[in-house]
N, C-alpha and C. Protein backbone atom coordinates (compact mmCIF):
# COMPACT_ATOMS: atom_id res chain seq x y z
N MET A 1 73.32 121.73 158.00
CA MET A 1 72.26 121.46 157.05
C MET A 1 71.50 122.75 156.76
N THR A 2 71.16 122.97 155.53
CA THR A 2 70.36 124.13 155.16
C THR A 2 69.14 123.62 154.42
N THR A 3 68.02 124.19 154.75
CA THR A 3 66.79 123.74 154.12
C THR A 3 65.74 124.82 154.20
N ASP A 4 64.74 124.74 153.38
CA ASP A 4 63.62 125.65 153.44
C ASP A 4 62.49 124.93 154.14
N ILE A 5 61.84 125.59 155.07
CA ILE A 5 60.78 124.94 155.82
C ILE A 5 59.53 125.79 155.80
N ASN A 6 58.43 125.21 156.20
CA ASN A 6 57.21 125.99 156.26
C ASN A 6 56.29 125.54 157.37
N THR A 7 56.76 124.80 158.34
CA THR A 7 55.88 124.40 159.43
C THR A 7 56.53 124.62 160.78
N ASP A 8 55.68 124.81 161.76
CA ASP A 8 56.11 125.01 163.14
C ASP A 8 56.86 123.79 163.66
N LYS A 9 56.40 122.60 163.33
CA LYS A 9 57.05 121.37 163.80
C LYS A 9 58.49 121.29 163.30
N GLN A 10 58.71 121.59 162.04
CA GLN A 10 60.06 121.54 161.49
C GLN A 10 60.95 122.60 162.14
N LEU A 11 60.42 123.78 162.36
CA LEU A 11 61.20 124.83 163.01
C LEU A 11 61.61 124.38 164.41
N SER A 12 60.71 123.76 165.14
CA SER A 12 61.01 123.27 166.48
C SER A 12 62.16 122.28 166.47
N GLN A 13 62.23 121.43 165.46
CA GLN A 13 63.31 120.46 165.36
C GLN A 13 64.66 121.17 165.21
N TYR A 14 64.71 122.20 164.40
CA TYR A 14 65.96 122.95 164.23
C TYR A 14 66.33 123.74 165.48
N LEU A 15 65.32 124.25 166.19
CA LEU A 15 65.60 124.99 167.41
C LEU A 15 66.19 124.10 168.50
N ALA A 16 65.94 122.81 168.42
CA ALA A 16 66.47 121.87 169.41
C ALA A 16 67.95 121.56 169.19
N GLU A 17 68.49 121.90 168.03
CA GLU A 17 69.90 121.65 167.75
C GLU A 17 70.78 122.68 168.49
N THR A 18 72.05 122.32 168.66
CA THR A 18 72.96 123.22 169.39
C THR A 18 73.60 124.28 168.52
N LYS A 19 73.67 124.05 167.22
CA LYS A 19 74.32 125.06 166.37
C LYS A 19 73.38 126.24 166.14
N PRO A 20 73.95 127.41 165.86
CA PRO A 20 73.12 128.59 165.61
C PRO A 20 72.16 128.36 164.45
N LEU A 21 71.02 129.01 164.54
CA LEU A 21 69.98 128.93 163.51
C LEU A 21 69.61 130.35 163.10
N LEU A 22 69.84 130.69 161.85
CA LEU A 22 69.39 131.97 161.31
C LEU A 22 68.14 131.71 160.49
N VAL A 23 67.05 132.36 160.88
CA VAL A 23 65.79 132.23 160.16
C VAL A 23 65.52 133.53 159.43
N GLU A 24 65.28 133.41 158.13
CA GLU A 24 64.85 134.57 157.34
C GLU A 24 63.36 134.41 157.09
N PHE A 25 62.58 135.35 157.57
CA PHE A 25 61.15 135.41 157.27
C PHE A 25 61.00 136.29 156.05
N LEU A 26 60.37 135.75 155.01
CA LEU A 26 60.30 136.49 153.76
C LEU A 26 58.95 136.37 153.09
N ASN A 27 58.76 137.20 152.11
CA ASN A 27 57.60 137.15 151.22
C ASN A 27 58.19 137.07 149.81
N PRO A 28 58.13 135.89 149.17
CA PRO A 28 58.77 135.72 147.86
C PRO A 28 58.26 136.69 146.79
N ALA A 29 57.09 137.26 146.98
CA ALA A 29 56.53 138.19 146.00
C ALA A 29 57.16 139.58 146.10
N LYS A 30 57.84 139.87 147.18
CA LYS A 30 58.44 141.19 147.36
C LYS A 30 59.84 141.23 146.76
N GLU A 31 60.13 142.28 146.04
CA GLU A 31 61.42 142.45 145.37
C GLU A 31 62.58 142.45 146.37
N CYS A 32 62.38 143.08 147.53
CA CYS A 32 63.46 143.13 148.52
C CYS A 32 63.83 141.73 149.00
N CYS A 33 62.87 140.85 149.10
CA CYS A 33 63.16 139.46 149.51
C CYS A 33 63.82 138.70 148.37
N HIS A 34 63.33 138.91 147.18
CA HIS A 34 63.93 138.25 146.02
C HIS A 34 65.38 138.68 145.86
N ALA A 35 65.66 139.94 146.09
CA ALA A 35 67.01 140.47 145.95
C ALA A 35 67.97 139.89 147.00
N MET A 36 67.45 139.46 148.14
CA MET A 36 68.30 138.90 149.19
C MET A 36 68.65 137.43 148.96
N GLN A 37 68.02 136.78 148.00
CA GLN A 37 68.26 135.35 147.81
C GLN A 37 69.74 135.04 147.53
N HIS A 38 70.39 135.85 146.70
CA HIS A 38 71.81 135.59 146.42
C HIS A 38 72.67 135.76 147.68
N VAL A 39 72.27 136.67 148.57
CA VAL A 39 73.00 136.87 149.83
C VAL A 39 72.85 135.63 150.71
N ILE A 40 71.65 135.11 150.82
CA ILE A 40 71.41 133.91 151.63
C ILE A 40 72.15 132.72 151.04
N ASP A 41 72.13 132.57 149.72
CA ASP A 41 72.87 131.49 149.08
C ASP A 41 74.37 131.58 149.37
N GLU A 42 74.92 132.79 149.30
CA GLU A 42 76.34 132.99 149.58
C GLU A 42 76.64 132.74 151.06
N LEU A 43 75.75 133.16 151.94
CA LEU A 43 75.93 132.91 153.36
C LEU A 43 75.95 131.41 153.65
N ARG A 44 75.06 130.67 153.03
CA ARG A 44 75.06 129.21 153.19
C ARG A 44 76.39 128.62 152.72
N ARG A 45 76.91 129.11 151.63
CA ARG A 45 78.18 128.62 151.11
C ARG A 45 79.30 128.92 152.09
N ARG A 46 79.33 130.14 152.62
CA ARG A 46 80.41 130.56 153.52
C ARG A 46 80.38 129.82 154.86
N LEU A 47 79.20 129.55 155.38
CA LEU A 47 79.09 128.94 156.70
C LEU A 47 79.12 127.42 156.67
N GLY A 48 78.78 126.83 155.55
CA GLY A 48 78.77 125.38 155.47
C GLY A 48 77.86 124.77 156.52
N ASP A 49 78.38 123.79 157.25
CA ASP A 49 77.56 123.12 158.25
C ASP A 49 77.74 123.68 159.66
N LYS A 50 78.32 124.86 159.77
CA LYS A 50 78.54 125.48 161.08
C LYS A 50 77.27 126.08 161.68
N ALA A 51 76.27 126.34 160.82
CA ALA A 51 75.00 126.92 161.27
C ALA A 51 73.90 126.47 160.33
N ASN A 52 72.69 126.48 160.85
CA ASN A 52 71.53 126.23 160.00
C ASN A 52 70.99 127.58 159.53
N ILE A 53 70.57 127.63 158.29
CA ILE A 53 69.96 128.83 157.73
C ILE A 53 68.66 128.39 157.08
N LEU A 54 67.57 128.94 157.58
CA LEU A 54 66.25 128.55 157.10
C LEU A 54 65.50 129.76 156.58
N GLN A 55 64.70 129.52 155.57
CA GLN A 55 63.85 130.57 155.01
C GLN A 55 62.40 130.15 155.20
N ILE A 56 61.60 131.06 155.73
CA ILE A 56 60.19 130.78 155.98
C ILE A 56 59.35 131.80 155.23
N ASP A 57 58.45 131.29 154.41
CA ASP A 57 57.51 132.13 153.67
C ASP A 57 56.46 132.63 154.64
N GLY A 58 56.50 133.91 154.92
CA GLY A 58 55.58 134.50 155.88
C GLY A 58 54.13 134.41 155.48
N LYS A 59 53.84 134.51 154.21
CA LYS A 59 52.46 134.44 153.75
C LYS A 59 51.86 133.06 153.95
N ALA A 60 52.69 132.04 153.91
CA ALA A 60 52.23 130.66 154.09
C ALA A 60 52.28 130.23 155.55
N ASN A 61 52.84 131.07 156.42
CA ASN A 61 53.02 130.71 157.83
C ASN A 61 52.66 131.88 158.74
N GLU A 62 51.45 132.36 158.62
CA GLU A 62 51.04 133.54 159.37
C GLU A 62 51.07 133.32 160.88
N ASP A 63 50.91 132.07 161.34
CA ASP A 63 51.00 131.78 162.77
C ASP A 63 52.40 132.05 163.30
N LEU A 64 53.42 131.67 162.52
CA LEU A 64 54.80 131.94 162.94
C LEU A 64 55.11 133.43 162.88
N ILE A 65 54.56 134.11 161.89
CA ILE A 65 54.76 135.56 161.77
C ILE A 65 54.20 136.26 163.01
N ALA A 66 53.02 135.83 163.44
CA ALA A 66 52.41 136.42 164.63
C ALA A 66 53.21 136.07 165.89
N ARG A 67 53.63 134.81 166.02
CA ARG A 67 54.35 134.38 167.21
C ARG A 67 55.66 135.15 167.38
N TYR A 68 56.37 135.36 166.28
CA TYR A 68 57.67 136.04 166.36
C TYR A 68 57.58 137.54 166.09
N LYS A 69 56.35 138.03 165.97
CA LYS A 69 56.09 139.47 165.81
C LYS A 69 56.89 140.08 164.66
N ILE A 70 56.78 139.44 163.50
CA ILE A 70 57.44 139.92 162.30
C ILE A 70 56.58 141.00 161.68
N ALA A 71 57.15 142.19 161.51
CA ALA A 71 56.40 143.33 161.00
C ALA A 71 56.79 143.71 159.57
N THR A 72 57.95 143.25 159.12
CA THR A 72 58.44 143.64 157.80
C THR A 72 59.24 142.49 157.19
N TYR A 73 59.35 142.52 155.90
CA TYR A 73 60.12 141.50 155.18
C TYR A 73 61.28 142.15 154.45
N PRO A 74 62.40 141.49 154.35
CA PRO A 74 62.76 140.29 155.09
C PRO A 74 63.13 140.64 156.53
N SER A 75 62.87 139.70 157.42
CA SER A 75 63.29 139.82 158.82
C SER A 75 64.12 138.60 159.18
N TYR A 76 65.06 138.81 160.06
CA TYR A 76 65.98 137.75 160.46
C TYR A 76 65.96 137.60 161.96
N ILE A 77 65.94 136.35 162.41
CA ILE A 77 66.10 136.05 163.82
C ILE A 77 67.19 134.98 163.92
N LEU A 78 68.16 135.24 164.77
CA LEU A 78 69.22 134.28 165.03
C LEU A 78 68.93 133.63 166.38
N PHE A 79 68.85 132.31 166.38
CA PHE A 79 68.62 131.55 167.60
C PHE A 79 69.89 130.82 167.98
N LYS A 80 70.18 130.80 169.27
CA LYS A 80 71.29 130.02 169.81
C LYS A 80 70.73 129.23 170.98
N ASP A 81 70.94 127.92 170.96
CA ASP A 81 70.41 127.03 172.00
C ASP A 81 68.90 127.22 172.16
N GLY A 82 68.20 127.42 171.04
CA GLY A 82 66.75 127.53 171.05
C GLY A 82 66.19 128.86 171.48
N GLU A 83 67.06 129.80 171.83
CA GLU A 83 66.62 131.11 172.30
C GLU A 83 66.99 132.20 171.29
N GLU A 84 66.13 133.19 171.17
CA GLU A 84 66.43 134.31 170.29
C GLU A 84 67.64 135.08 170.82
N ALA A 85 68.64 135.26 169.95
CA ALA A 85 69.87 135.95 170.36
C ALA A 85 70.07 137.27 169.61
N TRP A 86 69.42 137.42 168.46
CA TRP A 86 69.61 138.62 167.63
C TRP A 86 68.44 138.70 166.67
N ARG A 87 68.10 139.93 166.28
CA ARG A 87 67.00 140.15 165.35
C ARG A 87 67.26 141.43 164.57
N ASP A 88 66.90 141.41 163.28
CA ASP A 88 67.02 142.59 162.44
C ASP A 88 66.14 142.38 161.21
N SER A 89 66.04 143.41 160.39
CA SER A 89 65.24 143.29 159.17
C SER A 89 65.83 144.17 158.09
N GLY A 90 65.36 143.94 156.87
CA GLY A 90 65.81 144.72 155.73
C GLY A 90 66.94 144.06 154.98
N ARG A 91 67.34 144.70 153.91
CA ARG A 91 68.45 144.17 153.11
C ARG A 91 69.74 144.26 153.91
N LYS A 92 70.51 143.20 153.86
CA LYS A 92 71.77 143.12 154.60
C LYS A 92 72.86 142.59 153.68
N PRO A 93 74.08 143.10 153.81
CA PRO A 93 75.19 142.51 153.06
C PRO A 93 75.57 141.18 153.70
N VAL A 94 76.09 140.29 152.88
CA VAL A 94 76.45 138.96 153.36
C VAL A 94 77.46 139.04 154.51
N GLN A 95 78.36 140.00 154.46
CA GLN A 95 79.37 140.13 155.51
C GLN A 95 78.74 140.40 156.87
N GLU A 96 77.71 141.23 156.91
CA GLU A 96 77.04 141.55 158.17
C GLU A 96 76.35 140.32 158.75
N LEU A 97 75.63 139.60 157.90
CA LEU A 97 74.95 138.39 158.38
C LEU A 97 75.97 137.33 158.81
N GLU A 98 77.02 137.18 158.03
CA GLU A 98 78.04 136.19 158.37
C GLU A 98 78.69 136.52 159.71
N HIS A 99 79.05 137.78 159.92
CA HIS A 99 79.66 138.19 161.18
C HIS A 99 78.74 137.89 162.36
N MET A 100 77.47 138.18 162.20
CA MET A 100 76.52 137.96 163.30
C MET A 100 76.40 136.47 163.62
N VAL A 101 76.26 135.64 162.59
CA VAL A 101 76.12 134.20 162.83
C VAL A 101 77.39 133.64 163.44
N ARG A 102 78.54 134.02 162.89
CA ARG A 102 79.82 133.49 163.40
C ARG A 102 80.07 133.88 164.86
N SER A 103 79.52 134.99 165.29
CA SER A 103 79.72 135.40 166.68
C SER A 103 79.01 134.45 167.66
N PHE A 104 78.14 133.58 167.16
CA PHE A 104 77.44 132.62 168.00
C PHE A 104 77.86 131.18 167.76
N ILE A 105 78.88 130.98 166.91
CA ILE A 105 79.37 129.62 166.64
C ILE A 105 80.34 129.21 167.73
């Protein structure tokens, strides 16, 4: 399942699942985040239901930004079994993100 979320409660529900969860923390007003949207859409298409991919608007969720110590947009955190397994930020090619997520499937 892929969905956009904006609350801590919803994020907790996805973290409880066993499949990998890639979270993109973004600011929709920033060009670099807007430019990554096609990459995230393609990643969702490539992975299907093998992983969850969520996008969180950092400006609307400052508590989550502080909790996960997000310093720049876009930032990515990959969770496996509810634990952080990988983290990076900046523009990424779809192949790099796909490889990282698949390594935890």
